[in-house]
């Protein structure tokens, strides 16, 4: 493979223009050569802003995948088509970054993992919150054992009123769910990654449709249409892992609460604890005294500092491209993302049946 990778984008909507395209365009080893969207004008606009002279635009992703120039495909479509497109891309010889969540169902996610192994192509999922400075630092702290055995954790994804009213976010058929599968997935991924624990034992979940039918609701992105709000507005879970560790997961787009946090986690271990609730804080006991330390992740108070800062999206894109060029594992492994999807699906199933779901 050449030192320059030809990248294609399938789905040229908000997440592609808000994250993938700006970050990929900054990487010298990347050429954006193909753009696809079922609304052709979106692909044409993206190509005009981010493409090169040889860029092509498509309405049909299957025609895009026939382009032999393409090395890498980014899948930025609704959840219902993640697996179908990702598997087809890998079978066409392309490496794939698929936006989160991995797939609408765990069965589809498993097929994606199988396809990566069968084709030898790299597959990663867009859990960009792993690449924030606080996440990167806390992951290093946890990995070097400063927290000891993390046996209790909380995954936070609570919004007071921030329901996404565009696209298909409110469509259960196309998305598979609401805030749990949209933002709860980020919080759960972060928590499992920090704990380095991917062996769930059981899940008990509750899902609510309480505020979604509100008319003329106050909302960050304007009132939603109650008739189109077919997903949950909040979901909560109690997750037990094989080693006895416990995780509580909270997620909502609309909840009467002032305790709001998104894509964050709190960890409690045998040697110390940590949380992201008010910046990154570490806590524990030293010399028979309790301590709390707030980690300074900025420039250390240097007023004249003007160094360039790499955003989490930029770091995510760069490390993904480097994993292909250097033939190393991506930061977000597909097997890890599969477990996230399995747990999310179990939460929905538990809420539907009123019973705990047990993993084999």
Protein backbone atom coordinates (compact mmCIF):
# COMPACT_ATOMS: atom_id res chain seq x y z
CA UNK A 1 0.00 0.00 0.00
CA UNK A 2 1.24 3.49 -0.81
CA UNK A 3 2.04 6.04 1.90
CA UNK A 4 -1.06 7.96 0.80
CA UNK A 5 -4.46 6.49 1.60
CA UNK A 6 -7.49 7.16 -0.59
CA UNK A 7 -10.54 7.61 1.66
CA UNK A 8 -14.25 7.54 0.83
CA UNK A 9 -17.16 8.87 2.89
CA UNK A 10 -20.53 7.11 2.77
CA UNK A 11 -23.18 9.34 4.32
CA UNK A 12 -22.40 13.06 3.95
CA UNK A 13 -24.63 14.42 6.70
CA UNK A 14 -23.98 16.02 10.07
CA UNK A 15 -21.44 13.64 11.59
CA UNK A 16 -19.43 13.46 8.36
CA UNK A 17 -19.23 17.24 8.02
CA UNK A 18 -18.94 17.90 11.74
CA UNK A 19 -16.21 15.37 12.54
CA UNK A 20 -14.85 13.03 9.87
CA UNK A 21 -14.24 15.33 6.91
CA UNK A 22 -12.60 18.26 8.76
CA UNK A 23 -10.25 15.89 10.63
CA UNK A 24 -9.35 13.71 7.64
CA UNK A 25 -8.63 16.80 5.53
CA UNK A 26 -5.84 17.78 7.95
CA UNK A 27 -3.91 14.53 7.46
CA UNK A 28 -1.18 14.69 4.82
CA UNK A 29 -1.39 10.96 4.13
CA UNK A 30 -5.09 11.15 3.23
CA UNK A 31 -6.76 11.95 -0.08
CA UNK A 32 -10.54 12.22 -0.03
CA UNK A 33 -11.49 10.68 -3.35
CA UNK A 34 -15.14 9.57 -3.11
CA UNK A 35 -18.35 10.83 -1.52
CA UNK A 36 -21.70 9.08 -1.34
CA UNK A 37 -25.14 10.04 -0.09
CA UNK A 38 -28.69 9.04 -1.02
CA UNK A 39 -29.21 12.81 -1.39
CA UNK A 40 -26.68 13.44 -4.16
CA UNK A 41 -26.43 17.17 -3.48
CA UNK A 42 -24.97 16.42 -0.03
CA UNK A 43 -22.22 14.31 -1.62
CA UNK A 44 -21.58 17.04 -4.17
CA UNK A 45 -21.26 19.72 -1.48
CA UNK A 46 -18.85 17.59 0.55
CA UNK A 47 -16.76 16.84 -2.54
CA UNK A 48 -16.61 20.51 -3.44
CA UNK A 49 -15.32 21.45 0.01
CA UNK A 50 -13.08 18.50 0.86
CA UNK A 51 -12.41 16.58 -2.35
CA UNK A 52 -9.60 16.65 -4.87
CA UNK A 53 -9.62 17.06 -8.66
CA UNK A 54 -10.16 13.31 -9.11
CA UNK A 55 -12.97 12.98 -6.54
CA UNK A 56 -16.15 11.13 -7.49
CA UNK A 57 -19.69 11.41 -6.12
CA UNK A 58 -22.27 8.63 -5.82
CA UNK A 59 -25.86 8.00 -4.73
CA UNK A 60 -25.33 4.23 -4.49
CA UNK A 61 -22.65 3.00 -2.09
CA UNK A 62 -22.33 -0.26 -4.03
CA UNK A 63 -21.04 1.65 -7.05
CA UNK A 64 -18.59 3.54 -4.84
CA UNK A 65 -17.18 0.26 -3.51
CA UNK A 66 -16.30 -0.79 -7.07
CA UNK A 67 -13.72 2.03 -7.19
CA UNK A 68 -10.37 0.23 -6.92
CA UNK A 69 -8.59 3.42 -5.84
CA UNK A 70 -10.30 3.45 -2.46
CA UNK A 71 -8.33 2.09 0.51
CA UNK A 72 -10.53 3.23 3.40
CA UNK A 73 -14.25 3.83 3.85
CA UNK A 74 -15.89 5.87 6.62
CA UNK A 75 -19.51 4.83 7.22
CA UNK A 76 -21.56 7.77 8.51
CA UNK A 77 -25.11 6.58 7.82
CA UNK A 78 -28.08 5.81 10.12
CA UNK A 79 -27.59 2.82 12.42
CA UNK A 80 -29.81 0.52 10.37
CA UNK A 81 -27.27 0.39 7.52
CA UNK A 82 -23.99 0.32 9.49
CA UNK A 83 -23.50 -3.44 9.24
CA UNK A 84 -24.63 -3.84 5.63
CA UNK A 85 -22.33 -1.13 4.30
CA UNK A 86 -19.36 -1.94 6.55
CA UNK A 87 -19.40 -5.64 5.64
CA UNK A 88 -19.73 -4.88 1.92
CA UNK A 89 -16.82 -2.42 2.14
CA UNK A 90 -14.54 -4.93 3.87
CA UNK A 91 -15.48 -7.61 1.34
CA UNK A 92 -14.52 -5.10 -1.36
CA UNK A 93 -11.05 -4.84 0.20
CA UNK A 94 -11.48 -1.58 2.10
CA UNK A 95 -10.60 -0.78 5.71
CA UNK A 96 -13.60 0.61 7.59
CA UNK A 97 -14.30 3.17 10.25
CA UNK A 98 -17.99 2.96 11.14
CA UNK A 99 -19.68 5.59 13.27
CA UNK A 100 -21.05 4.56 16.64
CA UNK A 101 -22.98 2.58 17.68
CA UNK A 102 -21.45 -0.38 15.88
CA UNK A 103 -24.80 -1.65 14.60
CA UNK A 104 -28.50 -1.68 15.34
CA UNK A 105 -28.31 -5.23 16.77
CA UNK A 106 -25.64 -7.41 18.34
CA UNK A 107 -26.17 -10.02 15.62
CA UNK A 108 -25.24 -7.45 12.97
CA UNK A 109 -22.26 -6.28 15.04
CA UNK A 110 -21.01 -9.86 15.31
CA UNK A 111 -21.23 -10.22 11.52
CA UNK A 112 -19.04 -7.10 11.21
CA UNK A 113 -16.39 -8.62 13.49
CA UNK A 114 -16.52 -11.85 11.51
CA UNK A 115 -16.13 -9.94 8.24
CA UNK A 116 -13.03 -8.14 9.51
CA UNK A 117 -11.44 -11.45 10.49
CA UNK A 118 -12.45 -13.14 7.24
CA UNK A 119 -11.21 -10.36 4.94
CA UNK A 120 -8.17 -9.27 6.93
CA UNK A 121 -9.36 -5.65 6.75
CA UNK A 122 -9.18 -3.30 9.70
CA UNK A 123 -12.41 -2.23 11.37
CA UNK A 124 -12.92 0.43 14.02
CA UNK A 125 -15.91 2.25 15.52
CA UNK A 126 -16.20 6.02 16.03
CA UNK A 127 -16.06 6.28 19.82
CA UNK A 128 -14.32 9.66 19.69
CA UNK A 129 -14.71 10.41 23.41
CA UNK A 130 -11.84 8.02 24.11
CA UNK A 131 -9.57 10.62 22.51
CA UNK A 132 -10.39 13.54 24.81
CA UNK A 133 -7.46 14.68 27.00
CA UNK A 134 -9.22 13.65 30.22
CA UNK A 135 -10.08 10.22 28.80
CA UNK A 136 -6.54 9.62 27.56
CA UNK A 137 -5.05 10.62 30.92
CA UNK A 138 -7.49 8.58 33.02
CA UNK A 139 -6.92 5.54 30.82
CA UNK A 140 -3.18 5.73 31.52
CA UNK A 141 -3.84 6.11 35.26
CA UNK A 142 -6.11 3.06 35.26
CA UNK A 143 -3.74 0.97 33.14
CA UNK A 144 -0.74 1.55 35.39
CA UNK A 145 -2.77 0.33 38.35
CA UNK A 146 -3.23 3.56 40.33
CA UNK A 147 -6.91 2.75 40.95
CA UNK A 148 -6.33 -0.93 41.71
CA UNK A 149 -9.23 -3.22 40.86
CA UNK A 150 -12.15 -1.11 39.65
CA UNK A 151 -15.20 -2.90 41.07
CA UNK A 152 -17.83 -0.14 40.80
CA UNK A 153 -18.37 2.39 38.04
CA UNK A 154 -20.99 4.81 36.74
CA UNK A 155 -21.54 5.67 33.07
CA UNK A 156 -23.10 9.12 32.69
CA UNK A 157 -25.07 10.36 29.67
CA UNK A 158 -27.74 12.74 30.99
CA UNK A 159 -29.17 15.74 29.15
CA UNK A 160 -31.88 17.93 30.68
CA UNK A 161 -33.46 18.92 27.34
CA UNK A 162 -31.34 18.22 24.27
CA UNK A 163 -33.30 15.99 21.93
CA UNK A 164 -31.80 15.81 18.41
CA UNK A 165 -34.65 16.83 16.10
CA UNK A 166 -32.91 16.36 12.74
CA UNK A 167 -32.24 13.28 10.64
CA UNK A 168 -33.64 9.97 11.90
CA UNK A 169 -32.67 10.18 15.58
CA UNK A 170 -36.29 9.83 16.73
CA UNK A 171 -37.03 6.89 14.40
CA UNK A 172 -36.83 3.58 16.28
CA UNK A 173 -36.88 1.52 13.08
CA UNK A 174 -33.82 3.24 11.57
CA UNK A 175 -31.85 3.83 14.78
CA UNK A 176 -32.76 0.95 17.07
CA UNK A 177 -33.29 3.26 20.03
CA UNK A 178 -32.91 6.75 21.44
CA UNK A 179 -30.51 8.25 23.99
CA UNK A 180 -29.29 4.84 25.18
CA UNK A 181 -27.96 3.83 21.77
CA UNK A 182 -26.99 7.42 20.85
CA UNK A 183 -25.15 8.87 23.87
CA UNK A 184 -25.39 6.09 26.45
CA UNK A 185 -23.20 4.08 24.10
CA UNK A 186 -20.36 6.62 24.49
CA UNK A 187 -20.55 6.55 28.29
CA UNK A 188 -20.60 2.75 28.38
CA UNK A 189 -17.70 2.46 25.94
CA UNK A 190 -15.61 4.84 28.06
CA UNK A 191 -16.41 2.94 31.26
CA UNK A 192 -15.59 -0.52 29.89
CA UNK A 193 -12.39 0.83 28.32
CA UNK A 194 -11.23 2.37 31.61
CA UNK A 195 -12.01 -0.83 33.51
CA UNK A 196 -10.53 -3.04 30.77
CA UNK A 197 -13.47 -5.33 31.47
CA UNK A 198 -15.46 -6.78 28.55
CA UNK A 199 -17.10 -9.79 30.18
CA UNK A 200 -20.68 -8.96 31.23
CA UNK A 201 -22.65 -11.45 33.31
CA UNK A 202 -26.11 -9.89 33.60
CA UNK A 203 -28.10 -6.75 32.85
CA UNK A 204 -31.23 -5.28 34.40
CA UNK A 205 -32.64 -2.31 32.49
CA UNK A 206 -35.44 0.25 32.57
CA UNK A 207 -36.54 2.29 29.56
CA UNK A 208 -38.94 5.24 29.71
CA UNK A 209 -41.21 7.03 27.24
CA UNK A 210 -42.30 9.84 29.55
CA UNK A 211 -41.39 13.22 28.06
CA UNK A 212 -41.23 12.43 24.35
CA UNK A 213 -44.94 13.08 23.88
CA UNK A 214 -44.65 16.63 25.20
CA UNK A 215 -45.88 19.27 22.75
CA UNK A 216 -43.97 22.53 22.19
CA UNK A 217 -41.25 21.34 24.57
CA UNK A 218 -38.30 23.47 25.57
CA UNK A 219 -35.33 21.95 23.78
CA UNK A 220 -31.82 22.92 22.72
CA UNK A 221 -32.70 22.26 19.06
CA UNK A 222 -36.31 23.41 19.09
CA UNK A 223 -39.50 21.46 19.86
CA UNK A 224 -39.80 17.92 18.56
CA UNK A 225 -42.78 16.31 16.85
CA UNK A 226 -44.35 13.97 19.46
CA UNK A 227 -45.82 11.81 16.68
CA UNK A 228 -42.36 11.08 15.32
CA UNK A 229 -40.75 10.47 18.74
CA UNK A 230 -40.84 6.65 18.61
CA UNK A 231 -37.70 5.99 20.71
CA UNK A 232 -37.24 6.19 24.48
CA UNK A 233 -36.42 9.52 26.14
CA UNK A 234 -34.39 7.92 28.93
CA UNK A 235 -32.93 4.57 29.93
CA UNK A 236 -31.10 3.20 32.97
CA UNK A 237 -29.30 -0.05 33.73
CA UNK A 238 -27.58 -2.13 36.39
CA UNK A 239 -24.80 -4.20 34.83
CA UNK A 240 -22.90 -6.99 36.58
CA UNK A 241 -19.63 -8.27 35.18
CA UNK A 242 -18.23 -11.81 35.42
CA UNK A 243 -15.60 -10.75 37.96
CA UNK A 244 -18.30 -9.25 40.22
CA UNK A 245 -17.79 -5.61 39.20
CA UNK A 246 -20.91 -3.44 38.95
CA UNK A 247 -21.71 -0.66 36.48
CA UNK A 248 -24.71 1.68 36.63
CA UNK A 249 -25.60 3.37 33.35
CA UNK A 250 -27.81 6.44 33.02
CA UNK A 251 -28.86 8.01 29.73
CA UNK A 252 -31.42 10.58 28.64
CA UNK A 253 -32.16 13.27 26.08
CA UNK A 254 -34.88 14.76 28.27
CA UNK A 255 -35.00 14.38 32.05
CA UNK A 256 -36.13 16.67 34.86
CA UNK A 257 -32.72 16.75 36.49
CA UNK A 258 -30.01 19.32 37.09
CA UNK A 259 -27.36 16.59 37.41
CA UNK A 260 -26.38 16.59 33.73
CA UNK A 261 -23.25 15.03 32.29
CA UNK A 262 -22.52 13.36 28.98
CA UNK A 263 -19.94 10.82 27.86
CA UNK A 264 -18.34 10.65 31.27
CA UNK A 265 -17.64 7.98 33.85
CA UNK A 266 -16.88 7.60 37.54
CA UNK A 267 -14.63 4.80 38.77
CA UNK A 268 -14.17 3.27 42.24
CA UNK A 269 -11.23 0.93 42.78
CA UNK A 270 -9.39 -0.75 45.62
CA UNK A 271 -6.51 1.75 45.48
CA UNK A 272 -8.33 4.91 44.44
CA UNK A 273 -11.14 6.48 42.48
CA UNK A 274 -11.73 8.95 39.67
CA UNK A 275 -14.50 10.91 38.07
CA UNK A 276 -15.07 13.35 35.21
CA UNK A 277 -17.94 15.25 36.85
CA UNK A 278 -16.06 18.51 37.53
CA UNK A 279 -13.01 18.21 35.34
CA UNK A 280 -10.91 15.13 35.99
CA UNK A 281 -10.57 14.32 39.69
CA UNK A 282 -8.64 11.53 41.38
CA UNK A 283 -9.37 10.50 44.95
CA UNK A 284 -8.10 8.08 47.57
CA UNK A 285 -6.37 7.67 50.91
CA UNK A 286 -2.74 8.46 51.68
CA UNK A 287 -0.99 8.41 55.06
CA UNK A 288 -4.32 7.84 56.83
CA UNK A 289 -5.86 10.93 55.18
CA UNK A 290 -8.33 11.24 52.33
CA UNK A 291 -7.27 13.23 49.29
CA UNK A 292 -8.87 14.66 46.16
CA UNK A 293 -6.69 15.82 43.27
CA UNK A 294 -7.93 17.82 40.31
CA UNK A 295 -5.84 17.07 37.25
CA UNK A 296 -4.74 20.10 35.21
CA UNK A 297 -4.98 19.09 31.56
CA UNK A 298 -4.35 22.49 29.95
CA UNK A 299 -1.18 24.48 29.42
CA UNK A 300 -0.33 24.59 33.13
CA UNK A 301 -1.29 28.25 33.56
CA UNK A 302 1.24 29.61 31.07
CA UNK A 303 -0.46 32.80 29.83
CA UNK A 304 1.56 33.10 26.63
CA UNK A 305 1.15 29.48 25.54
CA UNK A 306 0.08 29.33 21.90
CA UNK A 307 0.84 25.71 21.03
CA UNK A 308 -1.44 23.94 18.60
CA UNK A 309 -4.01 21.70 20.24
CA UNK A 310 -5.18 18.51 18.56
CA UNK A 311 -8.90 17.94 19.03
CA UNK A 312 -10.29 14.56 20.04
CA UNK A 313 -11.72 14.13 16.53
CA UNK A 314 -8.36 14.99 14.94
CA UNK A 315 -6.52 12.54 17.21
CA UNK A 316 -9.08 9.83 16.49
CA UNK A 317 -8.66 10.26 12.73
CA UNK A 318 -4.85 10.45 12.86
CA UNK A 319 -4.41 7.35 15.01
CA UNK A 320 -6.86 5.42 12.82
CA UNK A 321 -4.96 6.30 9.64
CA UNK A 322 -1.63 5.51 11.35
CA UNK A 323 -2.94 2.09 12.40
CA UNK A 324 -3.51 1.28 8.74
CA UNK A 325 -0.20 2.67 7.51
CA UNK A 326 1.74 0.94 10.31
CA UNK A 327 -0.43 -2.22 10.37
CA UNK A 328 -1.20 -1.93 14.08
CA UNK A 329 -4.42 -2.43 16.03
CA UNK A 330 -6.83 0.52 16.05
CA UNK A 331 -7.50 2.20 19.39
CA UNK A 332 -11.14 1.10 19.29
CA UNK A 333 -11.16 -2.63 18.61
CA UNK A 334 -14.29 -4.07 16.97
CA UNK A 335 -14.52 -6.82 19.59
CA UNK A 336 -14.82 -4.13 22.28
CA UNK A 337 -17.52 -2.26 20.39
CA UNK A 338 -19.41 -5.54 19.95
CA UNK A 339 -19.64 -5.97 23.73
CA UNK A 340 -21.04 -2.43 24.05
CA UNK A 341 -23.75 -3.28 21.51
CA UNK A 342 -24.51 -6.57 23.27
CA UNK A 343 -25.05 -4.78 26.58
CA UNK A 344 -27.20 -2.05 25.03
CA UNK A 345 -29.37 -4.68 23.37
CA UNK A 346 -29.68 -6.54 26.68
CA UNK A 347 -30.86 -3.35 28.40
CA UNK A 348 -33.66 -2.94 25.85
CA UNK A 349 -34.57 -6.63 26.19
CA UNK A 350 -34.62 -6.46 29.98
CA UNK A 351 -36.84 -3.38 29.91
CA UNK A 352 -39.19 -5.09 27.48
CA UNK A 353 -39.50 -8.32 29.47
CA UNK A 354 -39.12 -6.96 32.99
CA UNK A 355 -36.48 -9.59 33.66
CA UNK A 356 -32.70 -9.67 33.98
CA UNK A 357 -30.77 -10.75 30.87
CA UNK A 358 -27.92 -13.20 31.43
CA UNK A 359 -24.95 -13.63 29.11
CA UNK A 360 -23.52 -17.03 28.19
